[in-house]
PDB file of N, CA and C in Angstrom:
ATOM      1  N   MET A   1      70.871 228.452 112.454  1.00  0.00           N
ATOM      2  CA  MET A   1      70.693 227.395 111.749  1.00  0.00           C
ATOM      3  C   MET A   1      71.764 227.027 111.009  1.00  0.00           C
ATOM      4  N   LYS A   2      72.853 227.679 111.124  1.00  0.00           N
ATOM      5  CA  LYS A   2      74.630 227.269 109.863  1.00  0.00           C
ATOM      6  C   LYS A   2      75.041 226.143 111.086  1.00  0.00           C
ATOM      7  N   LYS A   3      74.579 226.425 112.877  1.00  0.00           N
ATOM      8  CA  LYS A   3      75.215 225.763 113.893  1.00  0.00           C
ATOM      9  C   LYS A   3      74.483 224.277 113.868  1.00  0.00           C
ATOM     10  N   ALA A   4      73.416 224.305 113.308  1.00  0.00           N
ATOM     11  CA  ALA A   4      72.489 223.153 113.514  1.00  0.00           C
ATOM     12  C   ALA A   4      72.928 222.326 112.475  1.00  0.00           C
ATOM     13  N   ILE A   5      73.673 222.863 111.433  1.00  0.00           N
ATOM     14  CA  ILE A   5      73.652 222.039 110.340  1.00  0.00           C
ATOM     15  C   ILE A   5      75.020 221.704 110.470  1.00  0.00           C
ATOM     16  N   LEU A   6      75.159 222.381 111.078  1.00  0.00           N
ATOM     17  CA  LEU A   6      76.955 221.882 110.858  1.00  0.00           C
ATOM     18  C   LEU A   6      77.296 221.100 112.185  1.00  0.00           C
ATOM     19  N   LEU A   7      76.923 221.217 113.044  1.00  0.00           N
ATOM     20  CA  LEU A   7      76.618 219.904 114.247  1.00  0.00           C
ATOM     21  C   LEU A   7      75.659 218.845 113.366  1.00  0.00           C
ATOM     22  N   PHE A   8      75.072 218.463 112.721  1.00  0.00           N
ATOM     23  CA  PHE A   8      74.533 217.444 112.119  1.00  0.00           C
ATOM     24  C   PHE A   8      75.504 217.070 111.357  1.00  0.00           C
ATOM     25  N   ALA A   9      76.157 217.465 110.388  1.00  0.00           N
ATOM     26  CA  ALA A   9      77.082 217.156 109.744  1.00  0.00           C
ATOM     27  C   ALA A   9      78.071 216.230 110.128  1.00  0.00           C
ATOM     28  N   PHE A  10      78.569 216.844 111.264  1.00  0.00           N
ATOM     29  CA  PHE A  10      79.786 216.949 112.221  1.00  0.00           C
ATOM     30  C   PHE A  10      78.944 215.306 112.568  1.00  0.00           C
ATOM     31  N   ALA A  11      77.801 215.004 113.014  1.00  0.00           N
ATOM     32  CA  ALA A  11      77.423 214.039 113.806  1.00  0.00           C
ATOM     33  C   ALA A  11      77.077 212.774 112.739  1.00  0.00           C
ATOM     34  N   LEU A  12      77.069 213.093 111.815  1.00  0.00           N
ATOM     35  CA  LEU A  12      76.624 212.191 111.083  1.00  0.00           C
ATOM     36  C   LEU A  12      78.346 211.380 110.209  1.00  0.00           C
ATOM     37  N   VAL A  13      79.249 212.196 110.285  1.00  0.00           N
ATOM     38  CA  VAL A  13      80.687 212.103 109.913  1.00  0.00           C
ATOM     39  C   VAL A  13      80.930 211.270 111.167  1.00  0.00           C
ATOM     40  N   SER A  14      80.764 211.437 112.344  1.00  0.00           N
ATOM     41  CA  SER A  14      81.336 210.798 113.226  1.00  0.00           C
ATOM     42  C   SER A  14      81.332 209.373 113.210  1.00  0.00           C
ATOM     43  N   THR A  15      79.517 209.083 112.942  1.00  0.00           N
ATOM     44  CA  THR A  15      79.241 207.945 112.644  1.00  0.00           C
ATOM     45  C   THR A  15      79.384 207.115 112.228  1.00  0.00           C
ATOM     46  N   PHE A  16      79.488 207.453 110.856  1.00  0.00           N
ATOM     47  CA  PHE A  16      80.468 206.664 109.796  1.00  0.00           C
ATOM     48  C   PHE A  16      82.162 206.146 110.239  1.00  0.00           C
ATOM     49  N   GLY A  17      82.691 207.036 111.115  1.00  0.00           N
ATOM     50  CA  GLY A  17      83.940 207.080 111.626  1.00  0.00           C
ATOM     51  C   GLY A  17      84.091 205.845 112.383  1.00  0.00           C
ATOM     52  N   PHE A  18      82.729 205.174 113.144  1.00  0.00           N
ATOM     53  CA  PHE A  18      82.894 204.760 114.122  1.00  0.00           C
ATOM     54  C   PHE A  18      82.415 203.046 114.198  1.00  0.00           C
ATOM     55  N   ALA A  19      82.042 202.729 112.479  1.00  0.00           N
ATOM     56  CA  ALA A  19      81.065 201.686 111.384  1.00  0.00           C
ATOM     57  C   ALA A  19      82.834 201.036 111.716  1.00  0.00           C
ATOM     58  N   GLN A  20      82.336 199.495 112.171  1.00  0.00           N
ATOM     59  CA  GLN A  20      83.095 198.570 112.026  1.00  0.00           C
ATOM     60  C   GLN A  20      84.096 198.496 110.729  1.00  0.00           C
ATOM     61  N   SER A  21      84.971 198.162 110.546  1.00  0.00           N
ATOM     62  CA  SER A  21      85.373 197.757 109.287  1.00  0.00           C
ATOM     63  C   SER A  21      86.329 196.186 109.491  1.00  0.00           C
ATOM     64  N   GLY A  22      86.366 195.902 108.841  1.00  0.00           N
ATOM     65  CA  GLY A  22      86.877 194.527 108.708  1.00  0.00           C
ATOM     66  C   GLY A  22      86.159 192.844 108.325  1.00  0.00           C
ATOM     67  N   PRO A  23      86.753 192.273 109.176  1.00  0.00           N
ATOM     68  CA  PRO A  23      86.101 190.538 108.984  1.00  0.00           C
ATOM     69  C   PRO A  23      84.736 190.694 109.685  1.00  0.00           C
ATOM     70  N   LYS A  24      83.655 190.233 109.621  1.00  0.00           N
ATOM     71  CA  LYS A  24      82.474 189.988 110.641  1.00  0.00           C
ATOM     72  C   LYS A  24      81.552 188.800 110.661  1.00  0.00           C
ATOM     73  N   ILE A  25      81.918 187.837 111.391  1.00  0.00           N
ATOM     74  CA  ILE A  25      81.295 186.838 111.567  1.00  0.00           C
ATOM     75  C   ILE A  25      79.777 186.898 112.696  1.00  0.00           C
ATOM     76  N   VAL A  26      79.448 185.706 111.435  1.00  0.00           N
ATOM     77  CA  VAL A  26      77.836 185.842 112.100  1.00  0.00           C
ATOM     78  C   VAL A  26      76.900 184.264 111.793  1.00  0.00           C
ATOM     79  N   PHE A  27      76.831 183.319 112.490  1.00  0.00           N
ATOM     80  CA  PHE A  27      76.824 182.403 112.883  1.00  0.00           C
ATOM     81  C   PHE A  27      75.251 182.119 112.139  1.00  0.00           C
ATOM     82  N   THR A  28      74.314 180.725 112.227  1.00  0.00           N
ATOM     83  CA  THR A  28      73.499 181.082 111.197  1.00  0.00           C
ATOM     84  C   THR A  28      72.206 180.119 112.540  1.00  0.00           C
ATOM     85  N   ALA A  29      73.260 179.413 113.300  1.00  0.00           N
ATOM     86  CA  ALA A  29      72.453 178.819 114.567  1.00  0.00           C
ATOM     87  C   ALA A  29      71.779 179.976 115.738  1.00  0.00           C
ATOM     88  N   LYS A  30      70.810 179.700 115.700  1.00  0.00           N
ATOM     89  CA  LYS A  30      69.712 180.728 117.023  1.00  0.00           C
ATOM     90  C   LYS A  30      70.774 180.844 118.016  1.00  0.00           C
ATOM     91  N   ASP A  31      70.846 182.259 118.611  1.00  0.00           N
ATOM     92  CA  ASP A  31      72.139 181.840 120.169  1.00  0.00           C
ATOM     93  C   ASP A  31      73.183 181.484 120.268  1.00  0.00           C
ATOM     94  N   ASN A  32      73.762 180.878 118.973  1.00  0.00           N
ATOM     95  CA  ASN A  32      74.869 180.510 118.489  1.00  0.00           C
ATOM     96  C   ASN A  32      75.002 178.651 119.351  1.00  0.00           C
ATOM     97  N   THR A  33      73.829 178.463 119.213  1.00  0.00           N
ATOM     98  CA  THR A  33      73.585 177.197 120.169  1.00  0.00           C
ATOM     99  C   THR A  33      72.848 176.260 119.204  1.00  0.00           C
ATOM    100  N   ILE A  34      73.708 175.141 119.189  1.00  0.00           N
ATOM    101  CA  ILE A  34      72.770 173.993 118.649  1.00  0.00           C
ATOM    102  C   ILE A  34      72.262 173.084 120.053  1.00  0.00           C
ATOM    103  N   ASP A  35      71.085 172.486 119.304  1.00  0.00           N
ATOM    104  CA  ASP A  35      70.532 171.450 120.128  1.00  0.00           C
ATOM    105  C   ASP A  35      70.165 170.203 119.777  1.00  0.00           C
ATOM    106  N   PHE A  36      70.952 169.653 120.123  1.00  0.00           N
ATOM    107  CA  PHE A  36      70.879 167.772 120.073  1.00  0.00           C
ATOM    108  C   PHE A  36      69.563 167.380 120.125  1.00  0.00           C
ATOM    109  N   GLY A  37      68.902 167.701 121.090  1.00  0.00           N
ATOM    110  CA  GLY A  37      67.590 167.308 121.396  1.00  0.00           C
ATOM    111  C   GLY A  37      68.397 166.296 122.076  1.00  0.00           C
ATOM    112  N   THR A  38      67.101 164.987 121.938  1.00  0.00           N
ATOM    113  CA  THR A  38      67.392 163.736 122.735  1.00  0.00           C
ATOM    114  C   THR A  38      67.781 162.784 122.014  1.00  0.00           C
ATOM    115  N   VAL A  39      69.148 162.049 122.200  1.00  0.00           N
ATOM    116  CA  VAL A  39      69.395 161.140 121.077  1.00  0.00           C
ATOM    117  C   VAL A  39      69.979 160.138 121.288  1.00  0.00           C
ATOM    118  N   ASN A  40      70.474 159.123 120.979  1.00  0.00           N
ATOM    119  CA  ASN A  40      70.735 157.913 121.998  1.00  0.00           C
ATOM    120  C   ASN A  40      72.479 157.842 121.295  1.00  0.00           C
ATOM    121  N   THR A  41      73.176 156.921 122.211  1.00  0.00           N
ATOM    122  CA  THR A  41      74.473 156.532 122.176  1.00  0.00           C
ATOM    123  C   THR A  41      74.974 156.375 120.771  1.00  0.00           C
ATOM    124  N   THR A  42      74.241 155.697 119.678  1.00  0.00           N
ATOM    125  CA  THR A  42      74.594 155.375 118.307  1.00  0.00           C
ATOM    126  C   THR A  42      74.446 156.206 117.286  1.00  0.00           C
ATOM    127  N   GLU A  43      74.088 157.468 117.963  1.00  0.00           N
ATOM    128  CA  GLU A  43      74.276 158.609 116.918  1.00  0.00           C
ATOM    129  C   GLU A  43      75.542 158.799 116.734  1.00  0.00           C
ATOM    130  N   ASN A  44      75.772 159.594 115.865  1.00  0.00           N
ATOM    131  CA  ASN A  44      77.472 160.325 115.556  1.00  0.00           C
ATOM    132  C   ASN A  44      77.548 161.314 116.080  1.00  0.00           C
ATOM    133  N   GLY A  45      77.446 162.012 116.408  1.00  0.00           N
ATOM    134  CA  GLY A  45      77.708 163.094 117.271  1.00  0.00           C
ATOM    135  C   GLY A  45      77.848 164.018 116.544  1.00  0.00           C
ATOM    136  N   THR A  46      78.160 164.371 115.540  1.00  0.00           N
ATOM    137  CA  THR A  46      78.374 165.507 114.381  1.00  0.00           C
ATOM    138  C   THR A  46      77.397 166.510 114.330  1.00  0.00           C
ATOM    139  N   ARG A  47      78.046 167.709 114.424  1.00  0.00           N
ATOM    140  CA  ARG A  47      76.909 168.868 114.203  1.00  0.00           C
ATOM    141  C   ARG A  47      77.625 169.705 113.547  1.00  0.00           C
ATOM    142  N   ASP A  48      77.386 171.040 112.929  1.00  0.00           N
ATOM    143  CA  ASP A  48      78.354 171.809 112.199  1.00  0.00           C
ATOM    144  C   ASP A  48      77.276 173.445 112.352  1.00  0.00           C
ATOM    145  N   PHE A  49      78.275 174.046 112.722  1.00  0.00           N
ATOM    146  CA  PHE A  49      78.193 175.875 113.118  1.00  0.00           C
ATOM    147  C   PHE A  49      78.394 176.615 111.703  1.00  0.00           C
ATOM    148  N   VAL A  50      77.164 176.544 111.088  1.00  0.00           N
ATOM    149  CA  VAL A  50      77.716 177.583 110.068  1.00  0.00           C
ATOM    150  C   VAL A  50      77.821 179.183 110.269  1.00  0.00           C
ATOM    151  N   PHE A  51      78.485 179.866 109.301  1.00  0.00           N
ATOM    152  CA  PHE A  51      78.804 180.816 109.875  1.00  0.00           C
ATOM    153  C   PHE A  51      79.047 181.605 108.425  1.00  0.00           C
ATOM    154  N   THR A  52      78.677 183.104 108.336  1.00  0.00           N
ATOM    155  CA  THR A  52      78.997 183.816 107.104  1.00  0.00           C
ATOM    156  C   THR A  52      79.939 184.884 107.714  1.00  0.00           C
ATOM    157  N   ASN A  53      80.828 185.404 106.887  1.00  0.00           N
ATOM    158  CA  ASN A  53      81.672 186.611 106.984  1.00  0.00           C
ATOM    159  C   ASN A  53      80.945 187.529 106.076  1.00  0.00           C
ATOM    160  N   THR A  54      80.519 188.158 107.235  1.00  0.00           N
ATOM    161  CA  THR A  54      79.891 189.852 106.816  1.00  0.00           C
ATOM    162  C   THR A  54      80.200 190.955 106.579  1.00  0.00           C
ATOM    163  N   GLY A  55      81.835 190.642 106.583  1.00  0.00           N
ATOM    164  CA  GLY A  55      82.690 191.986 106.727  1.00  0.00           C
ATOM    165  C   GLY A  55      83.218 192.408 105.576  1.00  0.00           C
ATOM    166  N   ASN A  56      84.003 193.249 105.316  1.00  0.00           N
ATOM    167  CA  ASN A  56      84.833 193.472 104.193  1.00  0.00           C
ATOM    168  C   ASN A  56      86.332 193.209 103.757  1.00  0.00           C
ATOM    169  N   ALA A  57      87.138 192.045 105.079  1.00  0.00           N
ATOM    170  CA  ALA A  57      88.049 191.684 104.900  1.00  0.00           C
ATOM    171  C   ALA A  57      88.459 190.234 105.285  1.00  0.00           C
ATOM    172  N   PRO A  58      89.232 189.153 104.803  1.00  0.00           N
ATOM    173  CA  PRO A  58      89.415 188.089 105.250  1.00  0.00           C
ATOM    174  C   PRO A  58      89.221 187.578 106.225  1.00  0.00           C
ATOM    175  N   LEU A  59      88.302 186.721 106.763  1.00  0.00           N
ATOM    176  CA  LEU A  59      87.965 185.806 108.426  1.00  0.00           C
ATOM    177  C   LEU A  59      89.244 184.937 108.333  1.00  0.00           C
ATOM    178  N   VAL A  60      89.349 185.162 109.426  1.00  0.00           N
ATOM    179  CA  VAL A  60      91.203 184.151 109.974  1.00  0.00           C
ATOM    180  C   VAL A  60      90.643 183.426 111.018  1.00  0.00           C
ATOM    181  N   ILE A  61      90.222 182.301 111.425  1.00  0.00           N
ATOM    182  CA  ILE A  61      89.710 181.632 112.586  1.00  0.00           C
ATOM    183  C   ILE A  61      91.198 181.087 113.249  1.00  0.00           C
ATOM    184  N   THR A  62      91.615 181.689 114.319  1.00  0.00           N
ATOM    185  CA  THR A  62      92.964 181.287 114.618  1.00  0.00           C
ATOM    186  C   THR A  62      92.852 179.675 115.644  1.00  0.00           C
ATOM    187  N   ASN A  63      91.967 179.748 115.953  1.00  0.00           N
ATOM    188  CA  ASN A  63      91.359 178.580 117.419  1.00  0.00           C
ATOM    189  C   ASN A  63      90.369 178.257 117.595  1.00  0.00           C
ATOM    190  N   VAL A  64      89.868 176.975 117.712  1.00  0.00           N
ATOM    191  CA  VAL A  64      88.646 176.690 118.275  1.00  0.00           C
ATOM    192  C   VAL A  64      88.883 175.876 119.482  1.00  0.00           C
ATOM    193  N   LEU A  65      88.524 176.264 120.737  1.00  0.00           N
ATOM    194  CA  LEU A  65      88.851 175.092 122.117  1.00  0.00           C
ATOM    195  C   LEU A  65      87.273 174.920 122.815  1.00  0.00           C
ATOM    196  N   SER A  66      87.507 173.787 123.168  1.00  0.00           N
ATOM    197  CA  SER A  66      86.388 173.077 123.590  1.00  0.00           C
ATOM    198  C   SER A  66      86.718 173.159 125.306  1.00  0.00           C
ATOM    199  N   THR A  67      85.558 173.111 126.479  1.00  0.00           N
ATOM    200  CA  THR A  67      85.299 173.531 127.694  1.00  0.00           C
ATOM    201  C   THR A  67      85.923 171.790 128.210  1.00  0.00           C
ATOM    202  N   CYS A  68      85.996 170.528 127.330  1.00  0.00           N
ATOM    203  CA  CYS A  68      86.289 169.433 127.418  1.00  0.00           C
ATOM    204  C   CYS A  68      87.209 168.626 126.497  1.00  0.00           C
ATOM    205  N   GLY A  69      87.409 167.551 126.762  1.00  0.00           N
ATOM    206  CA  GLY A  69      88.108 166.436 126.037  1.00  0.00           C
ATOM    207  C   GLY A  69      86.623 165.576 125.143  1.00  0.00           C
ATOM    208  N   CYS A  70      85.138 165.989 125.090  1.00  0.00           N
ATOM    209  CA  CYS A  70      84.074 164.516 124.863  1.00  0.00           C
ATOM    210  C   CYS A  70      83.599 165.828 123.666  1.00  0.00           C
ATOM    211  N   ALA A  71      84.079 167.032 122.977  1.00  0.00           N
ATOM    212  CA  ALA A  71      83.381 167.332 122.324  1.00  0.00           C
ATOM    213  C   ALA A  71      84.550 167.839 121.228  1.00  0.00           C
ATOM    214  N   VAL A  72      85.047 167.554 120.447  1.00  0.00           N
ATOM    215  CA  VAL A  72      86.462 167.671 119.642  1.00  0.00           C
ATOM    216  C   VAL A  72      85.748 168.720 118.079  1.00  0.00           C
ATOM    217  N   PRO A  73      86.187 169.907 118.519  1.00  0.00           N
ATOM    218  CA  PRO A  73      86.053 170.599 117.413  1.00  0.00           C
ATOM    219  C   PRO A  73      87.149 171.177 116.318  1.00  0.00           C
ATOM    220  N   THR A  74      86.614 171.156 114.796  1.00  0.00           N
ATOM    221  CA  THR A  74      87.363 171.468 113.572  1.00  0.00           C
ATOM    222  C   THR A  74      87.452 172.483 113.217  1.00  0.00           C
ATOM    223  N   LYS A  75      88.139 172.806 112.920  1.00  0.00           N
ATOM    224  CA  LYS A  75      88.069 174.316 112.483  1.00  0.00           C
ATOM    225  C   LYS A  75      88.491 174.507 110.976  1.00  0.00           C
ATOM    226  N   PRO A  76      87.398 175.614 110.111  1.00  0.00           N
ATOM    227  CA  PRO A  76      88.386 176.172 108.403  1.00  0.00           C
ATOM    228  C   PRO A  76      89.699 176.045 109.024  1.00  0.00           C
ATOM    229  N   GLU A  77      91.153 175.795 107.732  1.00  0.00           N
ATOM    230  CA  GLU A  77      92.546 176.307 107.719  1.00  0.00           C
ATOM    231  C   GLU A  77      92.532 177.656 106.411  1.00  0.00           C
ATOM    232  N   GLU A  78      91.609 177.478 105.870  1.00  0.00           N
ATOM    233  CA  GLU A  78      91.982 178.967 105.236  1.00  0.00           C
ATOM    234  C   GLU A  78      91.373 179.989 105.704  1.00  0.00           C
ATOM    235  N   PRO A  79      91.369 181.314 105.164  1.00  0.00           N
ATOM    236  CA  PRO A  79      90.729 182.517 105.203  1.00  0.00           C
ATOM    237  C   PRO A  79      89.266 182.587 104.432  1.00  0.00           C
ATOM    238  N   ILE A  80      87.854 182.487 105.412  1.00  0.00           N
ATOM    239  CA  ILE A  80      86.796 182.653 104.655  1.00  0.00           C
ATOM    240  C   ILE A  80      86.736 184.467 104.160  1.00  0.00           C
ATOM    241  N   MET A  81      86.405 184.264 103.105  1.00  0.00           N
ATOM    242  CA  MET A  81      86.514 185.726 102.105  1.00  0.00           C
ATOM    243  C   MET A  81      84.986 186.358 102.536  1.00  0.00           C
ATOM    244  N   PRO A  82      84.918 187.667 102.386  1.00  0.00           N
ATOM    245  CA  PRO A  82      83.781 188.019 102.664  1.00  0.00           C
ATOM    246  C   PRO A  82      82.733 187.924 101.757  1.00  0.00           C
ATOM    247  N   GLY A  83      81.291 187.649 102.596  1.00  0.00           N
ATOM    248  CA  GLY A  83      80.623 187.350 101.722  1.00  0.00           C
ATOM    249  C   GLY A  83      80.249 185.909 101.783  1.00  0.00           C
ATOM    250  N   LYS A  84      81.768 184.669 101.963  1.00  0.00           N
ATOM    251  CA  LYS A  84      81.098 183.494 101.598  1.00  0.00           C
ATOM    252  C   LYS A  84      81.416 182.774 103.370  1.00  0.00           C
ATOM    253  N   THR A  85      80.736 181.450 103.272  1.00  0.00           N
ATOM    254  CA  THR A  85      80.554 180.790 104.679  1.00  0.00           C
ATOM    255  C   THR A  85      81.268 179.909 104.568  1.00  0.00           C
ATOM    256  N   GLY A  86      81.424 179.271 105.576  1.00  0.00           N
ATOM    257  CA  GLY A  86      82.375 178.201 106.393  1.00  0.00           C
ATOM    258  C   GLY A  86      81.428 177.544 107.495  1.00  0.00           C
ATOM    259  N   LYS A  87      82.075 177.046 108.177  1.00  0.00           N
ATOM    260  CA  LYS A  87      81.781 175.891 109.401  1.00  0.00           C
ATOM    261  C   LYS A  87      83.024 175.528 110.097  1.00  0.00           C
ATOM    262  N   ILE A  88      82.632 175.138 111.615  1.00  0.00           N
ATOM    263  CA  ILE A  88      82.999 174.850 112.420  1.00  0.00           C
ATOM    264  C   ILE A  88      82.373 173.237 112.997  1.00  0.00           C
ATOM    265  N   THR A  89      82.959 172.265 112.733  1.00  0.00           N
ATOM    266  CA  THR A  89      82.060 171.170 113.203  1.00  0.00           C
ATOM    267  C   THR A  89      82.839 170.538 114.569  1.00  0.00           C
ATOM    268  N   ILE A  90      81.459 170.215 115.268  1.00  0.00           N
ATOM    269  CA  ILE A  90      81.839 169.440 116.468  1.00  0.00           C
ATOM    270  C   ILE A  90      81.314 168.190 116.575  1.00  0.00           C
ATOM    271  N   LYS A  91      82.127 167.864 117.167  1.00  0.00           N
ATOM    272  CA  LYS A  91      82.145 165.852 117.397  1.00  0.00           C
ATOM    273  C   LYS A  91      82.165 165.598 118.987  1.00  0.00           C
ATOM    274  N   TYR A  92      80.757 165.367 119.115  1.00  0.00           N
ATOM    275  CA  TYR A  92      80.604 164.967 120.811  1.00  0.00           C
ATOM    276  C   TYR A  92      80.493 163.901 120.297  1.00  0.00           C
ATOM    277  N   ASN A  93      81.240 163.154 121.789  1.00  0.00           N
ATOM    278  CA  ASN A  93      81.363 161.327 122.150  1.00  0.00           C
ATOM    279  C   ASN A  93      79.942 161.039 122.700  1.00  0.00           C
ATOM    280  N   MET A  94      79.129 161.756 122.906  1.00  0.00           N
ATOM    281  CA  MET A  94      77.870 161.046 123.125  1.00  0.00           C
ATOM    282  C   MET A  94      77.792 159.762 124.715  1.00  0.00           C
ATOM    283  N   ALA A  95      78.484 160.457 125.338  1.00  0.00           N
ATOM    284  CA  ALA A  95      77.900 159.371 126.548  1.00  0.00           C
ATOM    285  C   ALA A  95      76.594 159.654 127.152  1.00  0.00           C
ATOM    286  N   LEU A  96      76.622 158.986 127.913  1.00  0.00           N
ATOM    287  CA  LEU A  96      75.118 159.265 128.634  1.00  0.00           C
ATOM    288  C   LEU A  96      75.160 160.485 129.345  1.00  0.00           C
ATOM    289  N   GLY A  97      73.891 160.983 129.148  1.00  0.00           N
ATOM    290  CA  GLY A  97      73.573 161.908 129.970  1.00  0.00           C
ATOM    291  C   GLY A  97      73.171 163.471 128.904  1.00  0.00           C
ATOM    292  N   PRO A  98      73.433 164.642 130.141  1.00  0.00           N
ATOM    293  CA  PRO A  98      72.767 166.000 129.388  1.00  0.00           C
ATOM    294  C   PRO A  98      74.200 166.443 128.719  1.00  0.00           C
ATOM    295  N   ILE A  99      73.850 167.101 127.643  1.00  0.00           N
ATOM    296  CA  ILE A  99      75.078 167.688 126.816  1.00  0.00           C
ATOM    297  C   ILE A  99      74.504 169.198 127.231  1.00  0.00           C
ATOM    298  N   ARG A 100      75.624 169.961 127.834  1.00  0.00           N
ATOM    299  CA  ARG A 100      75.803 171.136 128.179  1.00  0.00           C
ATOM    300  C   ARG A 100      77.965 171.449 127.786  1.00  0.00           C
ATOM    301  N   LYS A 101      77.585 172.402 126.749  1.00  0.00           N
ATOM    302  CA  LYS A 101      79.341 172.352 126.274  1.00  0.00           C
ATOM    303  C   LYS A 101      79.499 173.662 125.654  1.00  0.00           C
ATOM    304  N   THR A 102      80.403 174.684 126.127  1.00  0.00           N
ATOM    305  CA  THR A 102      80.650 175.490 125.734  1.00  0.00           C
ATOM    306  C   THR A 102      81.764 175.401 124.645  1.00  0.00           C
ATOM    307  N   ILE A 103      81.521 176.176 122.977  1.00  0.00           N
ATOM    308  CA  ILE A 103      83.015 175.754 122.898  1.00  0.00           C
ATOM    309  C   ILE A 103      83.374 177.742 122.026  1.00  0.00           C
ATOM    310  N   THR A 104      84.720 177.611 122.661  1.00  0.00           N
ATOM    311  CA  THR A 104      85.106 179.184 122.300  1.00  0.00           C
ATOM    312  C   THR A 104      85.887 179.150 120.922  1.00  0.00           C
ATOM    313  N   VAL A 105      85.229 180.441 119.828  1.00  0.00           N
ATOM    314  CA  VAL A 105      85.720 180.612 118.706  1.00  0.00           C
ATOM    315  C   VAL A 105      86.863 181.809 118.820  1.00  0.00           C
ATOM    316  N   GLU A 106      87.765 181.946 118.553  1.00  0.00           N
ATOM    317  CA  GLU A 106      88.974 182.930 117.997  1.00  0.00           C
ATOM    318  C   GLU A 106      89.445 183.398 117.219  1.00  0.00           C
ATOM    319  N   SER A 107      89.594 184.218 116.505  1.00  0.00           N
ATOM    320  CA  SER A 107      88.979 184.768 115.372  1.00  0.00           C
ATOM    321  C   SER A 107      89.733 186.163 115.195  1.00  0.00           C
ATOM    322  N   ASN A 108      89.863 186.946 113.901  1.00  0.00           N
ATOM    323  CA  ASN A 108      89.774 188.098 113.684  1.00  0.00           C
ATOM    324  C   ASN A 108      88.650 188.863 113.562  1.00  0.00           C
ATOM    325  N   ALA A 109      87.828 188.246 113.871  1.00  0.00           N
ATOM    326  CA  ALA A 109      86.195 189.667 113.960  1.00  0.00           C
ATOM    327  C   ALA A 109      86.099 190.122 114.748  1.00  0.00           C
ATOM    328  N   VAL A 110      85.554 191.816 113.997  1.00  0.00           N
ATOM    329  CA  VAL A 110      85.551 192.444 114.888  1.00  0.00           C
ATOM    330  C   VAL A 110      84.393 193.254 115.306  1.00  0.00           C
ATOM    331  N   ASN A 111      83.528 192.485 114.745  1.00  0.00           N
ATOM    332  CA  ASN A 111      81.667 191.965 115.912  1.00  0.00           C
ATOM    333  C   ASN A 111      81.657 191.490 116.870  1.00  0.00           C
ATOM    334  N   TYR A 112      82.592 190.857 117.706  1.00  0.00           N
ATOM    335  CA  TYR A 112      82.960 190.112 118.851  1.00  0.00           C
ATOM    336  C   TYR A 112      83.947 191.079 119.473  1.00  0.00           C
ATOM    337  N   ASP A 113      84.136 191.373 121.096  1.00  0.00           N
ATOM    338  CA  ASP A 113      85.030 191.406 121.521  1.00  0.00           C
ATOM    339  C   ASP A 113      86.348 190.717 121.596  1.00  0.00           C
ATOM    340  N   GLY A 114      87.443 191.382 121.419  1.00  0.00           N
ATOM    341  CA  GLY A 114      89.087 190.488 121.303  1.00  0.00           C
ATOM    342  C   GLY A 114      88.340 189.199 120.028  1.00  0.00           C
ATOM    343  N   GLY A 115      87.319 189.323 119.271  1.00  0.00           N
ATOM    344  CA  GLY A 115      87.732 188.126 118.399  1.00  0.00           C
ATOM    345  C   GLY A 115      87.213 186.742 118.712  1.00  0.00           C
ATOM    346  N   ARG A 116      86.483 186.985 120.160  1.00  0.00           N
ATOM    347  CA  ARG A 116      86.064 185.239 120.481  1.00  0.00           C
ATOM    348  C   ARG A 116      84.873 185.381 120.511  1.00  0.00           C
ATOM    349  N   VAL A 117      84.037 184.335 120.188  1.00  0.00           N
ATOM    350  CA  VAL A 117      82.723 184.216 120.128  1.00  0.00           C
ATOM    351  C   VAL A 117      82.305 182.608 121.051  1.00  0.00           C
ATOM    352  N   ALA A 118      81.638 182.616 121.742  1.00  0.00           N
ATOM    353  CA  ALA A 118      80.895 181.239 122.558  1.00  0.00           C
ATOM    354  C   ALA A 118      80.067 180.431 121.516  1.00  0.00           C
ATOM    355  N   LEU A 119      80.295 179.215 121.536  1.00  0.00           N
ATOM    356  CA  LEU A 119      79.023 178.790 120.925  1.00  0.00           C
ATOM    357  C   LEU A 119      78.398 177.091 121.505  1.00  0.00           C
ATOM    358  N   LYS A 120      77.655 177.443 121.909  1.00  0.00           N
ATOM    359  CA  LYS A 120      76.764 176.264 122.701  1.00  0.00           C
ATOM    360  C   LYS A 120      76.716 174.744 122.061  1.00  0.00           C
ATOM    361  N   ILE A 121      76.543 173.700 122.898  1.00  0.00           N
ATOM    362  CA  ILE A 121      75.726 172.837 122.388  1.00  0.00           C
ATOM    363  C   ILE A 121      75.020 171.997 123.498  1.00  0.00           C
ATOM    364  N   LYS A 122      73.525 171.734 123.141  1.00  0.00           N
ATOM    365  CA  LYS A 122      73.470 171.397 124.552  1.00  0.00           C
ATOM    366  C   LYS A 122      72.109 170.179 123.955  1.00  0.00           C
ATOM    367  N   GLY A 123      71.662 169.210 125.127  1.00  0.00           N
ATOM    368  CA  GLY A 123      70.816 168.301 124.409  1.00  0.00           C
ATOM    369  C   GLY A 123      70.698 167.154 125.697  1.00  0.00           C
ATOM    370  N   GLU A 124      70.555 165.651 125.491  1.00  0.00           N
ATOM    371  CA  GLU A 124      70.757 164.718 125.792  1.00  0.00           C
ATOM    372  C   GLU A 124      70.823 163.358 125.464  1.00  0.00           C
ATOM    373  N   VAL A 125      71.745 162.388 125.971  1.00  0.00           N
ATOM    374  CA  VAL A 125      72.235 161.307 125.224  1.00  0.00           C
ATOM    375  C   VAL A 125      71.620 160.144 126.229  1.00  0.00           C
ATOM    376  N   VAL A 126      70.386 159.621 125.219  1.00  0.00           N
ATOM    377  CA  VAL A 126      69.654 158.337 126.342  1.00  0.00           C
ATOM    378  C   VAL A 126      70.235 157.255 125.789  1.00  0.00           C
ATOM    379  N   SER A 127      70.339 155.865 126.243  1.00  0.00           N
ATOM    380  CA  SER A 127      70.789 154.354 126.014  1.00  0.00           C
ATOM    381  C   SER A 127      69.522 154.392 124.367  1.00  0.00           C
ATOM    382  N   ASN A 128      69.976 153.139 123.909  1.00  0.00           N
ATOM    383  CA  ASN A 128      69.271 152.671 123.222  1.00  0.00           C
ATOM    384  C   ASN A 128      67.898 152.199 123.703  1.00  0.00           C
TER     385      ASN A 128
END
């Protein structure tokens, strides 16, 4: 019985030891995707990816990269403190056709491998 209690206590302490400590980024968009839907060329093409730092340390967005020049991202310049929200703004150029782009966010977040998270935009641009 003593060994079982000792083993249980060791397992419990080990579990807490593996809990991630540091900044964590959580986006409000389902599956980290924003759907533009069907829009026309007169739309301004700007959308915001809103996120929260659910960790216990300041979150620093170091870089935001787009797969093309047609989607221009803007990142926060200041660290996002624990419990606070921030946003990454994407401006799409509204060229005719389908929208299928990936934006890669590089940060110090511990809840994504290497702090890198992929965001996606999708939809379709039609003529007026």
